PDB file of N, CA and C in Angstrom:
ATOM      1  N   UNK A   1      82.100  99.486  81.190  1.00  0.00           N
ATOM      2  CA  UNK A   1      83.447  99.958  81.028  1.00  0.00           C
ATOM      3  C   UNK A   1      83.739 101.086  82.028  1.00  0.00           C
ATOM      4  N   UNK A   2      82.758 101.972  82.233  1.00  0.00           N
ATOM      5  CA  UNK A   2      82.950 103.062  83.181  1.00  0.00           C
ATOM      6  C   UNK A   2      83.136 102.532  84.596  1.00  0.00           C
ATOM      7  N   UNK A   3      82.430 101.442  84.901  1.00  0.00           N
ATOM      8  CA  UNK A   3      82.525 100.861  86.243  1.00  0.00           C
ATOM      9  C   UNK A   3      83.934 100.320  86.481  1.00  0.00           C
ATOM     10  N   UNK A   4      84.539  99.687  85.471  1.00  0.00           N
ATOM     11  CA  UNK A   4      85.887  99.142  85.622  1.00  0.00           C
ATOM     12  C   UNK A   4      86.907 100.255  85.770  1.00  0.00           C
ATOM     13  N   UNK A   5      86.730 101.330  85.030  1.00  0.00           N
ATOM     14  CA  UNK A   5      87.634 102.468  85.159  1.00  0.00           C
ATOM     15  C   UNK A   5      87.499 103.081  86.544  1.00  0.00           C
ATOM     16  N   UNK A   6      86.266 103.176  87.031  1.00  0.00           N
ATOM     17  CA  UNK A   6      86.029 103.724  88.360  1.00  0.00           C
ATOM     18  C   UNK A   6      86.677 102.866  89.435  1.00  0.00           C
ATOM     19  N   UNK A   7      86.601 101.540  89.298  1.00  0.00           N
ATOM     20  CA  UNK A   7      87.224 100.636  90.263  1.00  0.00           C
ATOM     21  C   UNK A   7      88.736 100.797  90.237  1.00  0.00           C
ATOM     22  N   UNK A   8      89.331 100.886  89.056  1.00  0.00           N
ATOM     23  CA  UNK A   8      90.780 101.055  88.952  1.00  0.00           C
ATOM     24  C   UNK A   8      91.225 102.380  89.556  1.00  0.00           C
ATOM     25  N   UNK A   9      90.511 103.446  89.247  1.00  0.00           N
ATOM     26  CA  UNK A   9      90.874 104.749  89.787  1.00  0.00           C
ATOM     27  C   UNK A   9      90.701 104.810  91.302  1.00  0.00           C
ATOM     28  N   UNK A  10      89.634 104.218  91.809  1.00  0.00           N
ATOM     29  CA  UNK A  10      89.436 104.232  93.258  1.00  0.00           C
ATOM     30  C   UNK A  10      90.490 103.383  93.964  1.00  0.00           C
ATOM     31  N   UNK A  11      90.908 102.279  93.353  1.00  0.00           N
ATOM     32  CA  UNK A  11      91.972 101.465  93.948  1.00  0.00           C
ATOM     33  C   UNK A  11      93.278 102.239  93.988  1.00  0.00           C
ATOM     34  N   UNK A  12      93.595 102.914  92.889  1.00  0.00           N
ATOM     35  CA  UNK A  12      94.809 103.716  92.853  1.00  0.00           C
ATOM     36  C   UNK A  12      94.750 104.842  93.874  1.00  0.00           C
ATOM     37  N   UNK A  13      93.602 105.495  93.983  1.00  0.00           N
ATOM     38  CA  UNK A  13      93.436 106.579  94.935  1.00  0.00           C
ATOM     39  C   UNK A  13      93.582 106.070  96.364  1.00  0.00           C
ATOM     40  N   UNK A  14      93.016 104.902  96.652  1.00  0.00           N
ATOM     41  CA  UNK A  14      93.131 104.330  97.988  1.00  0.00           C
ATOM     42  C   UNK A  14      94.594 104.047  98.314  1.00  0.00           C
ATOM     43  N   UNK A  15      95.328 103.489  97.349  1.00  0.00           N
ATOM     44  CA  UNK A  15      96.742 103.205  97.570  1.00  0.00           C
ATOM     45  C   UNK A  15      97.524 104.496  97.767  1.00  0.00           C
ATOM     46  N   UNK A  16      97.199 105.532  96.977  1.00  0.00           N
ATOM     47  CA  UNK A  16      97.892 106.809  97.105  1.00  0.00           C
ATOM     48  C   UNK A  16      97.597 107.467  98.451  1.00  0.00           C
ATOM     49  N   UNK A  17      96.383 107.329  98.950  1.00  0.00           N
ATOM     50  CA  UNK A  17      96.042 107.919 100.237  1.00  0.00           C
ATOM     51  C   UNK A  17      96.569 107.101 101.411  1.00  0.00           C
ATOM     52  N   UNK A  18      96.771 105.808 101.194  1.00  0.00           N
ATOM     53  CA  UNK A  18      97.236 104.939 102.259  1.00  0.00           C
ATOM     54  C   UNK A  18      98.745 105.078 102.483  1.00  0.00           C
ATOM     55  N   UNK A  19      99.495 105.454 101.467  1.00  0.00           N
ATOM     56  CA  UNK A  19     100.949 105.519 101.570  1.00  0.00           C
ATOM     57  C   UNK A  19     101.430 106.490 102.644  1.00  0.00           C
ATOM     58  N   UNK A  20     100.925 107.726 102.709  1.00  0.00           N
ATOM     59  CA  UNK A  20     101.398 108.609 103.793  1.00  0.00           C
ATOM     60  C   UNK A  20     101.063 108.085 105.187  1.00  0.00           C
ATOM     61  N   UNK A  21      99.942 107.418 105.315  1.00  0.00           N
ATOM     62  CA  UNK A  21      99.570 106.862 106.618  1.00  0.00           C
ATOM     63  C   UNK A  21     100.559 105.781 107.029  1.00  0.00           C
ATOM     64  N   UNK A  22     100.916 104.931 106.076  1.00  0.00           N
ATOM     65  CA  UNK A  22     101.880 103.866 106.362  1.00  0.00           C
ATOM     66  C   UNK A  22     103.237 104.470 106.690  1.00  0.00           C
ATOM     67  N   UNK A  23     103.639 105.483 105.943  1.00  0.00           N
ATOM     68  CA  UNK A  23     104.924 106.122 106.221  1.00  0.00           C
ATOM     69  C   UNK A  23     104.925 106.794 107.589  1.00  0.00           C
ATOM     70  N   UNK A  24     103.838 107.443 107.938  1.00  0.00           N
ATOM     71  CA  UNK A  24     103.761 108.095 109.244  1.00  0.00           C
ATOM     72  C   UNK A  24     103.807 107.071 110.368  1.00  0.00           C
ATOM     73  N   UNK A  25     103.123 105.964 110.179  1.00  0.00           N
ATOM     74  CA  UNK A  25     103.126 104.927 111.210  1.00  0.00           C
ATOM     75  C   UNK A  25     104.489 104.266 111.309  1.00  0.00           C
ATOM     76  N   UNK A  26     105.177 104.135 110.183  1.00  0.00           N
ATOM     77  CA  UNK A  26     106.479 103.468 110.192  1.00  0.00           C
ATOM     78  C   UNK A  26     107.570 104.352 110.750  1.00  0.00           C
ATOM     79  N   UNK A  27     107.430 105.663 110.629  1.00  0.00           N
ATOM     80  CA  UNK A  27     108.482 106.553 111.096  1.00  0.00           C
ATOM     81  C   UNK A  27     108.327 106.930 112.556  1.00  0.00           C
ATOM     82  N   UNK A  28     107.246 106.488 113.176  1.00  0.00           N
ATOM     83  CA  UNK A  28     107.090 106.738 114.610  1.00  0.00           C
ATOM     84  C   UNK A  28     108.099 105.864 115.335  1.00  0.00           C
ATOM     85  N   UNK A  29     109.133 106.498 115.849  1.00  0.00           N
ATOM     86  CA  UNK A  29     110.231 105.751 116.459  1.00  0.00           C
ATOM     87  C   UNK A  29     110.230 105.961 117.959  1.00  0.00           C
ATOM     88  N   UNK A  30     110.842 105.056 118.637  1.00  0.00           N
ATOM     89  CA  UNK A  30     111.005 105.148 120.085  1.00  0.00           C
ATOM     90  C   UNK A  30     112.251 105.995 120.367  1.00  0.00           C
ATOM     91  N   UNK A  31     112.116 107.136 121.020  1.00  0.00           N
ATOM     92  CA  UNK A  31     113.281 108.001 121.258  1.00  0.00           C
ATOM     93  C   UNK A  31     114.357 107.333 122.109  1.00  0.00           C
ATOM     94  N   UNK A  32     113.974 106.379 122.954  1.00  0.00           N
ATOM     95  CA  UNK A  32     114.965 105.700 123.788  1.00  0.00           C
ATOM     96  C   UNK A  32     115.871 104.814 122.956  1.00  0.00           C
ATOM     97  N   UNK A  33     115.357 104.277 121.874  1.00  0.00           N
ATOM     98  CA  UNK A  33     116.126 103.352 121.047  1.00  0.00           C
ATOM     99  C   UNK A  33     117.013 104.105 120.069  1.00  0.00           C
ATOM    100  N   UNK A  34     116.471 105.122 119.400  1.00  0.00           N
ATOM    101  CA  UNK A  34     117.219 105.789 118.335  1.00  0.00           C
ATOM    102  C   UNK A  34     117.724 107.163 118.729  1.00  0.00           C
ATOM    103  N   UNK A  35     117.498 107.598 119.926  1.00  0.00           N
ATOM    104  CA  UNK A  35     117.928 108.924 120.328  1.00  0.00           C
ATOM    105  C   UNK A  35     117.056 110.021 119.758  1.00  0.00           C
ATOM    106  N   UNK A  36     115.872 109.685 119.324  1.00  0.00           N
ATOM    107  CA  UNK A  36     114.935 110.672 118.814  1.00  0.00           C
ATOM    108  C   UNK A  36     115.064 110.954 117.336  1.00  0.00           C
ATOM    109  N   UNK A  37     116.040 110.385 116.657  1.00  0.00           N
ATOM    110  CA  UNK A  37     116.223 110.658 115.229  1.00  0.00           C
ATOM    111  C   UNK A  37     115.973 109.390 114.420  1.00  0.00           C
ATOM    112  N   UNK A  38     115.456 109.593 113.232  1.00  0.00           N
ATOM    113  CA  UNK A  38     115.228 108.460 112.332  1.00  0.00           C
ATOM    114  C   UNK A  38     116.539 108.139 111.624  1.00  0.00           C
ATOM    115  N   UNK A  39     116.921 106.884 111.649  1.00  0.00           N
ATOM    116  CA  UNK A  39     118.172 106.473 111.042  1.00  0.00           C
ATOM    117  C   UNK A  39     117.960 105.573 109.841  1.00  0.00           C
ATOM    118  N   UNK A  40     119.055 105.017 109.321  1.00  0.00           N
ATOM    119  CA  UNK A  40     118.954 104.149 108.149  1.00  0.00           C
ATOM    120  C   UNK A  40     118.112 102.896 108.390  1.00  0.00           C
ATOM    121  N   UNK A  41     118.070 102.431 109.632  1.00  0.00           N
ATOM    122  CA  UNK A  41     117.264 101.259 109.925  1.00  0.00           C
ATOM    123  C   UNK A  41     115.789 101.544 109.655  1.00  0.00           C
ATOM    124  N   UNK A  42     115.382 102.789 109.921  1.00  0.00           N
ATOM    125  CA  UNK A  42     113.996 103.163 109.701  1.00  0.00           C
ATOM    126  C   UNK A  42     113.667 103.197 108.209  1.00  0.00           C
ATOM    127  N   UNK A  43     114.612 103.655 107.386  1.00  0.00           N
ATOM    128  CA  UNK A  43     114.396 103.646 105.936  1.00  0.00           C
ATOM    129  C   UNK A  43     114.212 102.221 105.440  1.00  0.00           C
ATOM    130  N   UNK A  44     115.046 101.327 105.911  1.00  0.00           N
ATOM    131  CA  UNK A  44     114.926  99.926 105.499  1.00  0.00           C
ATOM    132  C   UNK A  44     113.596  99.339 105.946  1.00  0.00           C
ATOM    133  N   UNK A  45     113.155  99.718 107.143  1.00  0.00           N
ATOM    134  CA  UNK A  45     111.874  99.221 107.637  1.00  0.00           C
ATOM    135  C   UNK A  45     110.722  99.750 106.802  1.00  0.00           C
ATOM    136  N   UNK A  46     110.795 101.030 106.415  1.00  0.00           N
ATOM    137  CA  UNK A  46     109.742 101.622 105.588  1.00  0.00           C
ATOM    138  C   UNK A  46     109.698 100.948 104.227  1.00  0.00           C
ATOM    139  N   UNK A  47     110.857 100.785 103.618  1.00  0.00           N
ATOM    140  CA  UNK A  47     110.913 100.148 102.299  1.00  0.00           C
ATOM    141  C   UNK A  47     110.422  98.715 102.390  1.00  0.00           C
ATOM    142  N   UNK A  48     110.814  98.003 103.437  1.00  0.00           N
ATOM    143  CA  UNK A  48     110.348  96.630 103.617  1.00  0.00           C
ATOM    144  C   UNK A  48     108.844  96.548 103.795  1.00  0.00           C
ATOM    145  N   UNK A  49     108.284  97.493 104.571  1.00  0.00           N
ATOM    146  CA  UNK A  49     106.842  97.517 104.782  1.00  0.00           C
ATOM    147  C   UNK A  49     106.097  97.823 103.486  1.00  0.00           C
ATOM    148  N   UNK A  50     106.580  98.804 102.728  1.00  0.00           N
ATOM    149  CA  UNK A  50     105.935  99.131 101.459  1.00  0.00           C
ATOM    150  C   UNK A  50     106.029  97.979 100.461  1.00  0.00           C
ATOM    151  N   UNK A  51     107.188  97.307 100.430  1.00  0.00           N
ATOM    152  CA  UNK A  51     107.326  96.150  99.540  1.00  0.00           C
ATOM    153  C   UNK A  51     106.362  95.034  99.942  1.00  0.00           C
ATOM    154  N   UNK A  52     106.170  94.871 101.256  1.00  0.00           N
ATOM    155  CA  UNK A  52     105.243  93.843 101.727  1.00  0.00           C
ATOM    156  C   UNK A  52     103.804  94.183 101.332  1.00  0.00           C
ATOM    157  N   UNK A  53     103.407  95.452 101.475  1.00  0.00           N
ATOM    158  CA  UNK A  53     102.059  95.877 101.103  1.00  0.00           C
ATOM    159  C   UNK A  53     101.838  95.702  99.606  1.00  0.00           C
ATOM    160  N   UNK A  54     102.818  96.138  98.813  1.00  0.00           N
ATOM    161  CA  UNK A  54     102.706  95.992  97.355  1.00  0.00           C
ATOM    162  C   UNK A  54     102.664  94.515  96.978  1.00  0.00           C
ATOM    163  N   UNK A  55     103.419  93.687  97.688  1.00  0.00           N
ATOM    164  CA  UNK A  55     103.402  92.243  97.423  1.00  0.00           C
ATOM    165  C   UNK A  55     102.022  91.640  97.646  1.00  0.00           C
ATOM    166  N   UNK A  56     101.351  92.056  98.719  1.00  0.00           N
ATOM    167  CA  UNK A  56      99.996  91.565  98.966  1.00  0.00           C
ATOM    168  C   UNK A  56      99.024  92.032  97.883  1.00  0.00           C
ATOM    169  N   UNK A  57      99.166  93.278  97.467  1.00  0.00           N
ATOM    170  CA  UNK A  57      98.305  93.798  96.397  1.00  0.00           C
ATOM    171  C   UNK A  57      98.559  93.033  95.095  1.00  0.00           C
ATOM    172  N   UNK A  58      99.823  92.719  94.824  1.00  0.00           N
ATOM    173  CA  UNK A  58     100.160  91.956  93.624  1.00  0.00           C
ATOM    174  C   UNK A  58      99.517  90.572  93.655  1.00  0.00           C
ATOM    175  N   UNK A  59      99.539  89.938  94.800  1.00  0.00           N
ATOM    176  CA  UNK A  59      98.930  88.608  94.924  1.00  0.00           C
ATOM    177  C   UNK A  59      97.433  88.686  94.680  1.00  0.00           C
ATOM    178  N   UNK A  60      96.779  89.705  95.238  1.00  0.00           N
ATOM    179  CA  UNK A  60      95.333  89.854  95.050  1.00  0.00           C
ATOM    180  C   UNK A  60      95.008  90.087  93.580  1.00  0.00           C
ATOM    181  N   UNK A  61      95.761  90.977  92.934  1.00  0.00           N
ATOM    182  CA  UNK A  61      95.516  91.257  91.512  1.00  0.00           C
ATOM    183  C   UNK A  61      95.763  90.010  90.669  1.00  0.00           C
ATOM    184  N   UNK A  62      96.801  89.259  90.998  1.00  0.00           N
ATOM    185  CA  UNK A  62      97.095  88.033  90.256  1.00  0.00           C
ATOM    186  C   UNK A  62      95.971  87.012  90.413  1.00  0.00           C
ATOM    187  N   UNK A  63      95.436  86.865  91.620  1.00  0.00           N
ATOM    188  CA  UNK A  63      94.329  85.936  91.833  1.00  0.00           C
ATOM    189  C   UNK A  63      93.078  86.364  91.075  1.00  0.00           C
ATOM    190  N   UNK A  64      92.810  87.665  91.045  1.00  0.00           N
ATOM    191  CA  UNK A  64      91.657  88.164  90.290  1.00  0.00           C
ATOM    192  C   UNK A  64      91.858  87.927  88.800  1.00  0.00           C
ATOM    193  N   UNK A  65      93.074  88.136  88.310  1.00  0.00           N
ATOM    194  CA  UNK A  65      93.362  87.907  86.894  1.00  0.00           C
ATOM    195  C   UNK A  65      93.184  86.432  86.531  1.00  0.00           C
ATOM    196  N   UNK A  66      93.638  85.555  87.387  1.00  0.00           N
ATOM    197  CA  UNK A  66      93.473  84.118  87.132  1.00  0.00           C
ATOM    198  C   UNK A  66      91.993  83.746  87.157  1.00  0.00           C
ATOM    199  N   UNK A  67      91.242  84.342  88.077  1.00  0.00           N
ATOM    200  CA  UNK A  67      89.800  84.086  88.126  1.00  0.00           C
ATOM    201  C   UNK A  67      89.124  84.556  86.836  1.00  0.00           C
ATOM    202  N   UNK A  68      89.553  85.705  86.308  1.00  0.00           N
ATOM    203  CA  UNK A  68      88.993  86.184  85.044  1.00  0.00           C
ATOM    204  C   UNK A  68      89.302  85.222  83.905  1.00  0.00           C
ATOM    205  N   UNK A  69      90.507  84.677  83.880  1.00  0.00           N
ATOM    206  CA  UNK A  69      90.868  83.734  82.822  1.00  0.00           C
ATOM    207  C   UNK A  69      90.040  82.458  82.945  1.00  0.00           C
ATOM    208  N   UNK A  70      89.829  81.991  84.162  1.00  0.00           N
ATOM    209  CA  UNK A  70      89.004  80.792  84.364  1.00  0.00           C
ATOM    210  C   UNK A  70      87.565  81.062  83.952  1.00  0.00           C
ATOM    211  N   UNK A  71      87.024  82.243  84.333  1.00  0.00           N
ATOM    212  CA  UNK A  71      85.658  82.587  83.919  1.00  0.00           C
ATOM    213  C   UNK A  71      85.562  82.717  82.402  1.00  0.00           C
ATOM    214  N   UNK A  72      86.622  83.222  81.773  1.00  0.00           N
ATOM    215  CA  UNK A  72      86.625  83.348  80.318  1.00  0.00           C
ATOM    216  C   UNK A  72      86.595  81.973  79.663  1.00  0.00           C
ATOM    217  N   UNK A  73      87.370  81.054  80.200  1.00  0.00           N
ATOM    218  CA  UNK A  73      87.357  79.694  79.648  1.00  0.00           C
ATOM    219  C   UNK A  73      86.002  79.035  79.801  1.00  0.00           C
ATOM    220  N   UNK A  74      85.407  79.199  80.955  1.00  0.00           N
ATOM    221  CA  UNK A  74      84.081  78.623  81.180  1.00  0.00           C
ATOM    222  C   UNK A  74      83.047  79.277  80.273  1.00  0.00           C
ATOM    223  N   UNK A  75      83.130  80.600  80.134  1.00  0.00           N
ATOM    224  CA  UNK A  75      82.197  81.310  79.258  1.00  0.00           C
ATOM    225  C   UNK A  75      82.364  80.921  77.807  1.00  0.00           C
ATOM    226  N   UNK A  76      83.584  80.682  77.393  1.00  0.00           N
ATOM    227  CA  UNK A  76      83.841  80.294  76.010  1.00  0.00           C
ATOM    228  C   UNK A  76      83.283  78.897  75.729  1.00  0.00           C
ATOM    229  N   UNK A  77      83.469  78.014  76.697  1.00  0.00           N
ATOM    230  CA  UNK A  77      82.967  76.645  76.524  1.00  0.00           C
ATOM    231  C   UNK A  77      81.444  76.619  76.493  1.00  0.00           C
ATOM    232  N   UNK A  78      80.819  77.410  77.349  1.00  0.00           N
ATOM    233  CA  UNK A  78      79.360  77.386  77.435  1.00  0.00           C
ATOM    234  C   UNK A  78      78.684  78.359  76.461  1.00  0.00           C
ATOM    235  N   UNK A  79      79.448  79.042  75.616  1.00  0.00           N
ATOM    236  CA  UNK A  79      78.862  79.992  74.670  1.00  0.00           C
ATOM    237  C   UNK A  79      77.983  79.287  73.633  1.00  0.00           C
ATOM    238  N   UNK A  80      78.338  78.085  73.247  1.00  0.00           N
ATOM    239  CA  UNK A  80      77.571  77.264  72.306  1.00  0.00           C
ATOM    240  C   UNK A  80      77.218  78.027  71.034  1.00  0.00           C
ATOM    241  N   UNK A  81      78.191  78.759  70.489  1.00  0.00           N
ATOM    242  CA  UNK A  81      77.973  79.452  69.231  1.00  0.00           C
ATOM    243  C   UNK A  81      77.353  80.827  69.362  1.00  0.00           C
ATOM    244  N   UNK A  82      76.993  81.241  70.562  1.00  0.00           N
ATOM    245  CA  UNK A  82      76.421  82.569  70.759  1.00  0.00           C
ATOM    246  C   UNK A  82      77.554  83.605  70.678  1.00  0.00           C
ATOM    247  N   UNK A  83      77.458  84.501  69.699  1.00  0.00           N
ATOM    248  CA  UNK A  83      78.529  85.462  69.454  1.00  0.00           C
ATOM    249  C   UNK A  83      78.700  86.432  70.624  1.00  0.00           C
ATOM    250  N   UNK A  84      77.613  86.818  71.276  1.00  0.00           N
ATOM    251  CA  UNK A  84      77.704  87.763  72.394  1.00  0.00           C
ATOM    252  C   UNK A  84      78.428  87.144  73.582  1.00  0.00           C
ATOM    253  N   UNK A  85      78.120  85.890  73.892  1.00  0.00           N
ATOM    254  CA  UNK A  85      78.804  85.212  75.005  1.00  0.00           C
ATOM    255  C   UNK A  85      80.280  84.987  74.679  1.00  0.00           C
ATOM    256  N   UNK A  86      80.572  84.666  73.438  1.00  0.00           N
ATOM    257  CA  UNK A  86      81.969  84.468  73.038  1.00  0.00           C
ATOM    258  C   UNK A  86      82.748  85.776  73.121  1.00  0.00           C
ATOM    259  N   UNK A  87      82.119  86.881  72.754  1.00  0.00           N
ATOM    260  CA  UNK A  87      82.769  88.190  72.857  1.00  0.00           C
ATOM    261  C   UNK A  87      83.032  88.549  74.312  1.00  0.00           C
ATOM    262  N   UNK A  88      82.079  88.285  75.173  1.00  0.00           N
ATOM    263  CA  UNK A  88      82.259  88.538  76.605  1.00  0.00           C
ATOM    264  C   UNK A  88      83.399  87.687  77.152  1.00  0.00           C
ATOM    265  N   UNK A  89      83.453  86.436  76.752  1.00  0.00           N
ATOM    266  CA  UNK A  89      84.528  85.549  77.207  1.00  0.00           C
ATOM    267  C   UNK A  89      85.879  86.042  76.699  1.00  0.00           C
ATOM    268  N   UNK A  90      85.932  86.503  75.468  1.00  0.00           N
ATOM    269  CA  UNK A  90      87.173  87.011  74.895  1.00  0.00           C
ATOM    270  C   UNK A  90      87.632  88.259  75.659  1.00  0.00           C
ATOM    271  N   UNK A  91      86.698  89.133  76.011  1.00  0.00           N
ATOM    272  CA  UNK A  91      87.049  90.334  76.773  1.00  0.00           C
ATOM    273  C   UNK A  91      87.580  89.969  78.156  1.00  0.00           C
ATOM    274  N   UNK A  92      86.968  88.992  78.795  1.00  0.00           N
ATOM    275  CA  UNK A  92      87.458  88.553  80.110  1.00  0.00           C
ATOM    276  C   UNK A  92      88.862  87.977  80.001  1.00  0.00           C
ATOM    277  N   UNK A  93      89.105  87.231  78.943  1.00  0.00           N
ATOM    278  CA  UNK A  93      90.434  86.670  78.738  1.00  0.00           C
ATOM    279  C   UNK A  93      91.462  87.786  78.560  1.00  0.00           C
ATOM    280  N   UNK A  94      91.114  88.795  77.783  1.00  0.00           N
ATOM    281  CA  UNK A  94      92.021  89.920  77.580  1.00  0.00           C
ATOM    282  C   UNK A  94      92.259  90.651  78.898  1.00  0.00           C
ATOM    283  N   UNK A  95      91.201  90.887  79.681  1.00  0.00           N
ATOM    284  CA  UNK A  95      91.356  91.561  80.970  1.00  0.00           C
ATOM    285  C   UNK A  95      92.242  90.746  81.913  1.00  0.00           C
ATOM    286  N   UNK A  96      92.083  89.435  81.904  1.00  0.00           N
ATOM    287  CA  UNK A  96      92.917  88.580  82.746  1.00  0.00           C
ATOM    288  C   UNK A  96      94.380  88.636  82.345  1.00  0.00           C
ATOM    289  N   UNK A  97      94.635  88.614  81.047  1.00  0.00           N
ATOM    290  CA  UNK A  97      96.017  88.683  80.571  1.00  0.00           C
ATOM    291  C   UNK A  97      96.631  90.054  80.851  1.00  0.00           C
ATOM    292  N   UNK A  98      95.835  91.102  80.733  1.00  0.00           N
ATOM    293  CA  UNK A  98      96.328  92.438  81.070  1.00  0.00           C
ATOM    294  C   UNK A  98      96.644  92.511  82.569  1.00  0.00           C
ATOM    295  N   UNK A  99      95.819  91.897  83.396  1.00  0.00           N
ATOM    296  CA  UNK A  99      96.081  91.870  84.833  1.00  0.00           C
ATOM    297  C   UNK A  99      97.385  91.169  85.157  1.00  0.00           C
ATOM    298  N   UNK A 100      97.649  90.062  84.498  1.00  0.00           N
ATOM    299  CA  UNK A 100      98.909  89.348  84.723  1.00  0.00           C
ATOM    300  C   UNK A 100     100.085  90.197  84.253  1.00  0.00           C
ATOM    301  N   UNK A 101      99.930  90.883  83.115  1.00  0.00           N
ATOM    302  CA  UNK A 101     100.997  91.757  82.624  1.00  0.00           C
ATOM    303  C   UNK A 101     101.261  92.904  83.595  1.00  0.00           C
ATOM    304  N   UNK A 102     100.208  93.442  84.189  1.00  0.00           N
ATOM    305  CA  UNK A 102     100.380  94.525  85.165  1.00  0.00           C
ATOM    306  C   UNK A 102     101.129  94.019  86.393  1.00  0.00           C
ATOM    307  N   UNK A 103     100.807  92.822  86.854  1.00  0.00           N
ATOM    308  CA  UNK A 103     101.502  92.266  88.021  1.00  0.00           C
ATOM    309  C   UNK A 103     102.975  92.039  87.699  1.00  0.00           C
ATOM    310  N   UNK A 104     103.262  91.496  86.514  1.00  0.00           N
ATOM    311  CA  UNK A 104     104.663  91.274  86.139  1.00  0.00           C
ATOM    312  C   UNK A 104     105.414  92.601  86.027  1.00  0.00           C
ATOM    313  N   UNK A 105     104.766  93.609  85.447  1.00  0.00           N
ATOM    314  CA  UNK A 105     105.402  94.920  85.353  1.00  0.00           C
ATOM    315  C   UNK A 105     105.604  95.532  86.736  1.00  0.00           C
ATOM    316  N   UNK A 106     104.672  95.312  87.636  1.00  0.00           N
ATOM    317  CA  UNK A 106     104.794  95.900  88.968  1.00  0.00           C
ATOM    318  C   UNK A 106     105.959  95.292  89.745  1.00  0.00           C
ATOM    319  N   UNK A 107     106.265  94.002  89.519  1.00  0.00           N
ATOM    320  CA  UNK A 107     107.438  93.413  90.164  1.00  0.00           C
ATOM    321  C   UNK A 107     108.699  94.160  89.735  1.00  0.00           C
ATOM    322  N   UNK A 108     108.804  94.429  88.441  1.00  0.00           N
ATOM    323  CA  UNK A 108     109.965  95.146  87.922  1.00  0.00           C
ATOM    324  C   UNK A 108     109.986  96.571  88.472  1.00  0.00           C
ATOM    325  N   UNK A 109     108.833  97.227  88.512  1.00  0.00           N
ATOM    326  CA  UNK A 109     108.761  98.604  88.994  1.00  0.00           C
ATOM    327  C   UNK A 109     109.135  98.695  90.464  1.00  0.00           C
ATOM    328  N   UNK A 110     108.670  97.753  91.273  1.00  0.00           N
ATOM    329  CA  UNK A 110     108.996  97.771  92.705  1.00  0.00           C
ATOM    330  C   UNK A 110     110.497  97.576  92.908  1.00  0.00           C
ATOM    331  N   UNK A 111     111.097  96.645  92.178  1.00  0.00           N
ATOM    332  CA  UNK A 111     112.542  96.445  92.298  1.00  0.00           C
ATOM    333  C   UNK A 111     113.314  97.693  91.873  1.00  0.00           C
ATOM    334  N   UNK A 112     112.870  98.330  90.795  1.00  0.00           N
ATOM    335  CA  UNK A 112     113.543  99.534  90.309  1.00  0.00           C
ATOM    336  C   UNK A 112     113.440 100.665  91.328  1.00  0.00           C
ATOM    337  N   UNK A 113     112.247 100.893  91.848  1.00  0.00           N
ATOM    338  CA  UNK A 113     112.047 101.989  92.795  1.00  0.00           C
ATOM    339  C   UNK A 113     112.806 101.724  94.098  1.00  0.00           C
ATOM    340  N   UNK A 114     112.752 100.494  94.597  1.00  0.00           N
ATOM    341  CA  UNK A 114     113.457 100.210  95.854  1.00  0.00           C
ATOM    342  C   UNK A 114     114.961 100.315  95.684  1.00  0.00           C
ATOM    343  N   UNK A 115     115.516  99.899  94.523  1.00  0.00           N
ATOM    344  CA  UNK A 115     116.941 100.056  94.301  1.00  0.00           C
ATOM    345  C   UNK A 115     117.315 101.518  94.128  1.00  0.00           C
ATOM    346  N   UNK A 116     116.415 102.315  93.546  1.00  0.00           N
ATOM    347  CA  UNK A 116     116.654 103.749  93.387  1.00  0.00           C
ATOM    348  C   UNK A 116     116.634 104.457  94.742  1.00  0.00           C
ATOM    349  N   UNK A 117     115.723 104.067  95.613  1.00  0.00           N
ATOM    350  CA  UNK A 117     115.609 104.699  96.931  1.00  0.00           C
ATOM    351  C   UNK A 117     116.788 104.306  97.823  1.00  0.00           C
ATOM    352  N   UNK A 118     117.152 103.041  97.781  1.00  0.00           N
ATOM    353  CA  UNK A 118     118.235 102.560  98.641  1.00  0.00           C
ATOM    354  C   UNK A 118     119.600 103.050  98.171  1.00  0.00           C
ATOM    355  N   UNK A 119     119.679 103.501  96.942  1.00  0.00           N
ATOM    356  CA  UNK A 119     120.926 104.079  96.414  1.00  0.00           C
ATOM    357  C   UNK A 119     121.855 103.038  96.010  1.00  0.00           C
TER     358      UNK A 119
END
């Protein structure tokens, strides 16, 4: 359980540390094109880039959740009455369903945040 919490926290930390780097790279503008100032086009580009990154993360999490559900089904079938294997399979199923719920919630959160930022 501690290992799973550590993985979740490290993933969140990596995403939190990666965001300023992405923003810095996205705001580097060509002074000849924009006159040296960041304009509304740059905001749209930043939001689009962040939405694309979050979209890729959502796909990865969804694939992992589906893999957990498949492993849970296989574990349940091969448990053959062993209570410990059935419990492990049940936990994997719950983790997979929680992963899918997180991905669905993140779609709503991304839409809310992007609409809030864009005004």
